[in-house]
Amino acid sequence: MSILRRIKVLLASRKLFRNWFLVGIRYYLTKLGLIHSINIKVICKDGSRSIISMRAYGGLVNDYYYGYLTNYDCKEGIATYMNKAHVPIKELEKSSDIGFAVENGWAYDLANKYWIKNNVRFRNMHWPIIEVFDFGNYEGIDVNGKVVIDVGAFVGDTAIYFLLKGAKKVIAIEPLPANYEELLDNIHLNSMEERIIPINAMVNSEHMIVEIPTNVPINIRGGSINEFKRHGAGDYVNIESITLSDVINKFKVNPANAVLKLDCEGCEYDIILNDYEHVKLFKEVIFEYHAYVTNRSVTELISAMNKDFSCQLMNKEFYKKYFNNYTKDQLGLMRCVRNR
């Protein structure tokens, strides 16, 4: 965030809080690592007070600056967004991109504590949900009547989407414990227990035990070993590694009539380059490539896939707009359909 934009956000917060200057400075000093604060005390315009987390405060002032948020009630702990959407402050500690979500028609059910749109429910809101359901990142992929192996299932956004698009079954594989627990919750919220098979594991070209730091951000999806190391600190948990062969054999998947989806922050390089004998069996492979994580060119993946598949880049304009800090050689979504 530029200094100018920080100043603009700070000035806008005058209409939310009486003590806007002091809390704003404290927030930015915390963000810069100059002081350590978990919570912050705000005073609303009516004089009422509230103690909220730094994350929630950041969400409030930024959403207000962008015009998504209209008011925050210190007494009730409720943020009011456009379209009169009411969101409890605790939800701002767990969710992200709430302004985008409300703008795109998602509503928060205060009684049942979940987000809902078109009868699809998620416990918390995350950017990938908006990517999948509102920006159509996987539009055009033929999953109808097919089994999907979803590597990097995150909180179930793609798994639920694929079922709604006609998939016969989705095997949703997610290594991070926090993501996995939310995945289970979202499967239950949408009554999809019989058609989504959740697995708490990491997919790799070989078997191993991977140490994952427990403080990995929840928005890390799938997870490569290198990406986990980037966030390594504090306590670790051991996560089992499985292979595509394990999944195919255990669940009797016929790859010739199945789709493989990879969104695993770099593990696509290991799987495609080191386990291609199983990758090439699938009818269709969709992978988000993260060259910026692995420091390896995407051309390595394309060269390998071109042996048996026809590949094309998807949603270039989306990545150009929302991930403009990366070039198309560093990050993108590739769809590969097996040649007949």
Protein backbone atom coordinates (compact mmCIF):
# COMPACT_ATOMS: atom_id res chain seq x y z
CA MET A 1 0.00 0.00 0.00
CA SER A 2 1.43 3.38 -0.99
CA ILE A 3 1.96 6.14 1.58
CA LEU A 4 -0.57 8.33 -0.23
CA ARG A 5 -3.23 5.64 -0.08
CA ARG A 6 -2.52 5.05 3.63
CA ILE A 7 -3.10 8.74 4.26
CA LYS A 8 -6.36 8.69 2.28
CA VAL A 9 -7.64 5.64 4.20
CA LEU A 10 -6.67 7.26 7.49
CA LEU A 11 -8.47 10.49 6.63
CA ALA A 12 -11.58 8.60 5.53
CA SER A 13 -11.71 6.82 8.91
CA ARG A 14 -12.58 10.18 10.54
CA LYS A 15 -16.21 9.45 9.68
CA LEU A 16 -16.10 6.12 11.50
CA PHE A 17 -14.18 6.81 14.70
CA ARG A 18 -13.60 9.74 17.04
CA ASN A 19 -10.06 8.56 17.82
CA TRP A 20 -9.32 7.91 14.16
CA PHE A 21 -5.85 9.46 14.17
CA LEU A 22 -4.40 7.61 17.16
CA VAL A 23 -5.79 4.20 16.22
CA GLY A 24 -4.81 4.69 12.59
CA ILE A 25 -1.21 5.52 13.48
CA ARG A 26 -1.09 2.54 15.86
CA TYR A 27 -2.43 0.26 13.14
CA TYR A 28 0.16 1.34 10.57
CA LEU A 29 3.02 1.14 13.07
CA THR A 30 1.91 -2.43 13.83
CA LYS A 31 1.73 -3.26 10.13
CA LEU A 32 5.28 -1.95 9.73
CA GLY A 33 6.45 -4.09 12.64
CA LEU A 34 7.53 -1.10 14.72
CA ILE A 35 5.18 -1.98 17.59
CA HIS A 36 3.22 -5.09 18.52
CA SER A 37 -0.54 -4.91 19.00
CA ILE A 38 -3.19 -7.59 18.63
CA ASN A 39 -6.25 -5.54 19.52
CA ILE A 40 -7.12 -1.88 19.35
CA LYS A 41 -9.68 0.29 21.16
CA VAL A 42 -11.93 2.36 18.89
CA ILE A 43 -14.44 5.07 19.81
CA CYS A 44 -17.42 5.32 17.50
CA LYS A 45 -19.04 8.63 16.54
CA ASP A 46 -21.74 8.20 19.22
CA GLY A 47 -19.10 7.90 21.93
CA SER A 48 -19.47 4.15 22.45
CA ARG A 49 -16.30 2.08 22.62
CA SER A 50 -15.22 -1.26 21.26
CA ILE A 51 -12.08 -3.40 21.39
CA ILE A 52 -11.44 -5.07 18.02
CA SER A 53 -8.56 -6.94 16.44
CA MET A 54 -6.04 -5.21 14.20
CA ARG A 55 -7.22 -7.40 11.30
CA ALA A 56 -10.84 -6.36 11.84
CA TYR A 57 -9.88 -2.69 12.08
CA GLY A 58 -7.98 -2.92 8.79
CA GLY A 59 -10.99 -4.51 7.14
CA LEU A 60 -13.33 -1.82 8.45
CA VAL A 61 -11.34 1.23 7.40
CA ASN A 62 -10.34 -0.15 4.02
CA ASP A 63 -13.88 -1.24 3.17
CA TYR A 64 -15.15 2.18 4.28
CA TYR A 65 -12.58 3.93 2.10
CA TYR A 66 -13.67 1.91 -0.93
CA GLY A 67 -17.36 2.58 -0.30
CA TYR A 68 -18.36 -0.96 0.69
CA LEU A 69 -18.94 -0.18 4.37
CA THR A 70 -21.41 2.47 5.56
CA ASN A 71 -21.25 2.19 9.37
CA TYR A 72 -19.82 0.36 12.36
CA ASP A 73 -21.83 0.02 15.58
CA CYS A 74 -19.48 -0.22 18.58
CA LYS A 75 -22.29 -1.26 20.95
CA GLU A 76 -23.55 -4.14 18.85
CA GLY A 77 -20.25 -5.00 17.18
CA ILE A 78 -21.96 -4.97 13.77
CA ALA A 79 -20.58 -3.57 10.52
CA THR A 80 -23.15 -2.39 7.99
CA TYR A 81 -22.20 -2.80 4.34
CA MET A 82 -23.83 -1.75 1.10
CA ASN A 83 -27.24 -3.28 0.40
CA LYS A 84 -27.81 -3.11 4.18
CA ALA A 85 -25.74 -6.24 4.74
CA HIS A 86 -24.91 -6.71 8.43
CA VAL A 87 -21.68 -8.48 9.38
CA PRO A 88 -20.49 -9.08 12.98
CA ILE A 89 -17.03 -7.76 13.79
CA LYS A 90 -15.86 -11.28 14.68
CA GLU A 91 -16.44 -12.27 11.06
CA LEU A 92 -14.00 -9.62 9.90
CA GLU A 93 -11.36 -11.46 11.93
CA LYS A 94 -11.96 -14.69 10.03
CA SER A 95 -13.00 -13.58 6.57
CA SER A 96 -11.42 -11.46 3.86
CA ASP A 97 -12.61 -9.40 0.87
CA ILE A 98 -16.01 -8.87 2.46
CA GLY A 99 -16.62 -5.72 0.42
CA PHE A 100 -16.10 -7.64 -2.83
CA ALA A 101 -18.37 -10.41 -1.57
CA VAL A 102 -21.25 -8.09 -0.65
CA GLU A 103 -20.86 -6.21 -3.92
CA ASN A 104 -21.24 -9.50 -5.77
CA GLY A 105 -24.40 -10.52 -3.93
CA TRP A 106 -23.17 -12.58 -0.99
CA ALA A 107 -25.12 -12.07 2.23
CA TYR A 108 -24.20 -12.94 5.80
CA ASP A 109 -26.78 -14.93 7.76
CA LEU A 110 -26.50 -13.58 11.29
CA ALA A 111 -28.63 -16.37 12.79
CA ASN A 112 -26.79 -19.29 11.20
CA LYS A 113 -23.39 -17.60 10.93
CA TYR A 114 -22.54 -18.30 7.32
CA TRP A 115 -22.31 -16.58 3.94
CA ILE A 116 -24.94 -17.46 1.35
CA LYS A 117 -25.64 -16.78 -2.31
CA ASN A 118 -27.88 -18.77 -4.64
CA ASN A 119 -28.28 -21.34 -1.86
CA VAL A 120 -24.51 -21.95 -1.69
CA ARG A 121 -23.10 -21.56 1.82
CA PHE A 122 -19.63 -20.92 3.23
CA ARG A 123 -18.74 -20.49 6.89
CA ASN A 124 -16.27 -17.69 6.18
CA MET A 125 -15.55 -15.55 3.13
CA HIS A 126 -12.25 -15.79 1.25
CA TRP A 127 -10.98 -14.36 -2.02
CA PRO A 128 -10.85 -17.78 -3.79
CA ILE A 129 -14.61 -18.17 -3.26
CA ILE A 130 -15.16 -14.94 -5.16
CA GLU A 131 -12.68 -16.03 -7.85
CA VAL A 132 -14.54 -19.27 -8.42
CA PHE A 133 -18.19 -18.29 -8.01
CA ASP A 134 -18.25 -14.66 -9.13
CA PHE A 135 -15.32 -14.21 -11.50
CA GLY A 136 -15.79 -17.60 -13.16
CA ASN A 137 -12.20 -18.78 -13.00
CA TYR A 138 -13.18 -22.36 -13.88
CA GLU A 139 -15.94 -21.59 -16.35
CA GLY A 140 -15.85 -23.78 -19.44
CA ILE A 141 -14.18 -26.79 -17.84
CA ASP A 142 -16.09 -29.97 -18.60
CA VAL A 143 -16.64 -31.83 -15.30
CA ASN A 144 -20.15 -33.07 -16.05
CA GLY A 145 -20.46 -36.73 -15.04
CA LYS A 146 -16.74 -36.94 -14.22
CA VAL A 147 -14.69 -37.52 -11.09
CA VAL A 148 -12.51 -34.54 -10.13
CA ILE A 149 -9.32 -34.89 -8.11
CA ASP A 150 -9.01 -31.47 -6.48
CA VAL A 151 -5.44 -30.93 -5.27
CA GLY A 152 -5.34 -27.80 -3.15
CA ALA A 153 -9.01 -27.86 -2.20
CA PHE A 154 -8.61 -24.99 0.30
CA VAL A 155 -11.99 -24.60 2.10
CA GLY A 156 -14.00 -26.46 -0.54
CA ASP A 157 -14.74 -23.63 -2.95
CA THR A 158 -13.74 -25.51 -6.11
CA ALA A 159 -15.05 -28.86 -4.86
CA ILE A 160 -18.51 -27.40 -4.25
CA TYR A 161 -18.38 -25.52 -7.56
CA PHE A 162 -17.48 -28.67 -9.53
CA LEU A 163 -20.38 -30.59 -7.98
CA LEU A 164 -22.78 -27.81 -8.89
CA LYS A 165 -21.43 -28.02 -12.45
CA GLY A 166 -22.33 -31.70 -12.66
CA ALA A 167 -19.28 -33.56 -11.37
CA LYS A 168 -20.04 -37.11 -10.31
CA LYS A 169 -17.70 -36.96 -7.33
CA VAL A 170 -14.88 -34.75 -6.05
CA ILE A 171 -11.87 -35.98 -4.11
CA ALA A 172 -10.84 -32.84 -2.22
CA ILE A 173 -7.24 -32.92 -0.95
CA GLU A 174 -6.06 -30.20 1.44
CA PRO A 175 -2.95 -30.39 3.67
CA LEU A 176 -3.40 -27.41 6.00
CA PRO A 177 -5.35 -28.38 9.15
CA ALA A 178 -7.20 -25.03 9.48
CA ASN A 179 -8.26 -25.09 5.83
CA TYR A 180 -9.25 -28.74 6.11
CA GLU A 181 -11.49 -28.15 9.13
CA GLU A 182 -13.25 -25.33 7.29
CA LEU A 183 -13.52 -27.58 4.23
CA LEU A 184 -15.37 -30.19 6.31
CA ASP A 185 -17.67 -27.52 7.69
CA ASN A 186 -18.52 -26.18 4.23
CA ILE A 187 -19.19 -29.66 2.88
CA HIS A 188 -21.68 -30.15 5.72
CA LEU A 189 -23.29 -26.72 5.21
CA ASN A 190 -24.04 -27.67 1.60
CA SER A 191 -25.11 -31.27 2.39
CA MET A 192 -22.47 -32.71 0.03
CA GLU A 193 -20.96 -35.35 2.34
CA GLU A 194 -21.87 -38.21 0.00
CA ARG A 195 -20.22 -36.69 -3.08
CA ILE A 196 -17.14 -34.89 -1.76
CA ILE A 197 -14.39 -37.06 -0.29
CA PRO A 198 -12.10 -34.91 1.91
CA ILE A 199 -8.47 -35.91 2.46
CA ASN A 200 -6.09 -34.13 4.84
CA ALA A 201 -2.83 -34.72 3.01
CA MET A 202 -0.30 -33.21 0.64
CA VAL A 203 0.09 -34.57 -2.88
CA ASN A 204 3.66 -35.18 -3.94
CA SER A 205 5.53 -37.33 -6.46
CA GLU A 206 6.79 -39.54 -3.62
CA HIS A 207 5.83 -40.47 -0.08
CA MET A 208 7.18 -38.35 2.74
CA ILE A 209 6.21 -36.66 5.97
CA VAL A 210 6.11 -32.88 5.61
CA GLU A 211 6.46 -30.49 8.55
CA ILE A 212 4.04 -27.61 8.13
CA PRO A 213 4.17 -24.54 10.37
CA THR A 214 0.88 -24.05 12.18
CA ASN A 215 0.90 -20.30 11.49
CA VAL A 216 0.67 -20.69 7.70
CA PRO A 217 -1.97 -18.14 6.53
CA ILE A 218 -5.34 -19.73 5.82
CA ASN A 219 -5.34 -18.29 2.32
CA ILE A 220 -2.43 -20.51 1.30
CA ARG A 221 -4.15 -23.11 -0.85
CA GLY A 222 -2.85 -26.58 -1.51
CA GLY A 223 0.66 -25.89 -0.40
CA SER A 224 4.11 -26.71 -1.71
CA ILE A 225 7.00 -27.43 0.62
CA ASN A 226 8.72 -24.20 -0.49
CA GLU A 227 5.59 -22.14 0.15
CA PHE A 228 5.23 -23.60 3.65
CA LYS A 229 8.87 -22.74 4.41
CA ARG A 230 8.23 -19.12 3.42
CA HIS A 231 5.85 -18.86 6.39
CA GLY A 232 7.81 -21.11 8.75
CA ALA A 233 7.83 -20.10 12.41
CA GLY A 234 6.54 -21.44 15.70
CA ASP A 235 5.01 -24.88 16.08
CA TYR A 236 4.82 -27.49 13.33
CA VAL A 237 2.50 -30.36 12.50
CA ASN A 238 3.38 -33.42 10.46
CA ILE A 239 1.33 -33.93 7.30
CA GLU A 240 1.45 -37.12 5.27
CA SER A 241 2.32 -36.97 1.60
CA ILE A 242 0.38 -39.09 -0.88
CA THR A 243 0.75 -39.62 -4.63
CA LEU A 244 -1.69 -39.50 -7.52
CA SER A 245 -1.30 -43.25 -7.78
CA ASP A 246 -2.50 -43.63 -4.18
CA VAL A 247 -5.64 -41.62 -4.92
CA ILE A 248 -6.36 -43.36 -8.23
CA ASN A 249 -6.02 -46.82 -6.72
CA LYS A 250 -7.75 -46.22 -3.39
CA PHE A 251 -10.85 -44.62 -4.92
CA LYS A 252 -10.82 -46.65 -8.15
CA VAL A 253 -10.66 -43.54 -10.32
CA ASN A 254 -10.60 -43.99 -14.09
CA PRO A 255 -8.33 -41.09 -15.13
CA ALA A 256 -9.49 -41.36 -18.74
CA ASN A 257 -12.85 -39.98 -17.58
CA ALA A 258 -11.59 -37.72 -14.79
CA VAL A 259 -10.32 -34.20 -14.31
CA LEU A 260 -7.20 -33.29 -12.34
CA LYS A 261 -7.13 -29.79 -10.82
CA LEU A 262 -3.94 -28.47 -9.22
CA ASP A 263 -3.80 -25.25 -7.19
CA CYS A 264 -1.06 -26.02 -4.72
CA GLU A 265 1.29 -23.03 -4.62
CA GLY A 266 4.16 -24.70 -6.46
CA CYS A 267 3.58 -28.44 -6.04
CA GLU A 268 2.32 -28.50 -9.66
CA TYR A 269 5.98 -28.53 -10.75
CA ASP A 270 6.77 -31.63 -8.70
CA ILE A 271 3.61 -33.49 -9.73
CA ILE A 272 3.74 -32.70 -13.45
CA LEU A 273 7.49 -33.04 -13.95
CA ASN A 274 8.17 -35.97 -11.59
CA ASP A 275 4.93 -37.96 -11.81
CA TYR A 276 3.95 -37.33 -15.40
CA GLU A 277 3.22 -41.02 -15.96
CA HIS A 278 0.06 -40.56 -13.89
CA VAL A 279 -0.72 -36.99 -14.94
CA LYS A 280 -0.88 -38.00 -18.61
CA LEU A 281 -3.65 -40.51 -17.86
CA PHE A 282 -6.24 -37.80 -17.14
CA LYS A 283 -8.70 -36.53 -19.70
CA GLU A 284 -8.25 -32.96 -18.57
CA VAL A 285 -5.74 -31.16 -16.31
CA ILE A 286 -6.20 -27.64 -14.95
CA PHE A 287 -3.38 -26.11 -12.99
CA GLU A 288 -2.54 -22.73 -11.56
CA TYR A 289 1.21 -22.28 -11.98
CA HIS A 290 3.32 -20.43 -9.42
CA ALA A 291 6.65 -19.80 -11.10
CA TYR A 292 7.35 -17.02 -8.60
CA VAL A 293 7.38 -19.61 -5.79
CA THR A 294 9.59 -22.20 -7.46
CA ASN A 295 11.80 -19.88 -9.54
CA ARG A 296 11.24 -22.24 -12.47
CA SER A 297 9.81 -21.30 -15.83
CA VAL A 298 6.25 -22.21 -16.74
CA THR A 299 7.62 -23.39 -20.10
CA GLU A 300 8.91 -26.49 -18.29
CA LEU A 301 5.33 -27.45 -17.44
CA ILE A 302 3.99 -26.60 -20.89
CA SER A 303 6.73 -28.61 -22.62
CA ALA A 304 5.91 -31.64 -20.51
CA MET A 305 2.15 -31.36 -21.01
CA ASN A 306 2.39 -30.74 -24.77
CA LYS A 307 3.50 -34.32 -25.27
CA ASP A 308 -0.05 -35.55 -24.77
CA PHE A 309 -2.24 -32.48 -24.23
CA SER A 310 -3.35 -29.30 -25.95
CA CYS A 311 -2.94 -26.46 -23.46
CA GLN A 312 -4.23 -22.91 -23.32
CA LEU A 313 -4.02 -20.07 -20.83
CA MET A 314 -7.31 -19.22 -19.10
CA ASN A 315 -8.69 -15.94 -17.77
CA LYS A 316 -5.71 -13.79 -18.73
CA GLU A 317 -7.60 -10.56 -18.11
CA PHE A 318 -8.57 -11.65 -14.60
CA TYR A 319 -4.96 -12.28 -13.61
CA LYS A 320 -3.84 -9.08 -15.29
CA LYS A 321 -6.39 -7.08 -13.29
CA TYR A 322 -6.25 -8.68 -9.86
CA PHE A 323 -2.68 -10.04 -9.76
CA ASN A 324 -0.89 -7.30 -11.66
CA ASN A 325 2.15 -7.57 -9.38
CA TYR A 326 2.93 -10.82 -11.25
CA THR A 327 3.58 -11.30 -14.95
CA LYS A 328 1.82 -14.00 -16.97
CA ASP A 329 5.07 -15.96 -16.84
CA GLN A 330 4.97 -15.95 -13.04
CA LEU A 331 1.33 -16.76 -12.31
CA GLY A 332 -1.64 -17.98 -14.33
CA LEU A 333 -4.20 -20.70 -14.92
CA MET A 334 -3.63 -23.35 -17.59
CA ARG A 335 -6.15 -25.78 -19.06
CA CYS A 336 -4.85 -28.88 -20.81
CA VAL A 337 -7.14 -31.31 -22.66
CA ARG A 338 -5.77 -34.68 -23.64
CA ASN A 339 -5.28 -35.26 -27.37
CA ARG A 340 -7.29 -38.09 -28.87
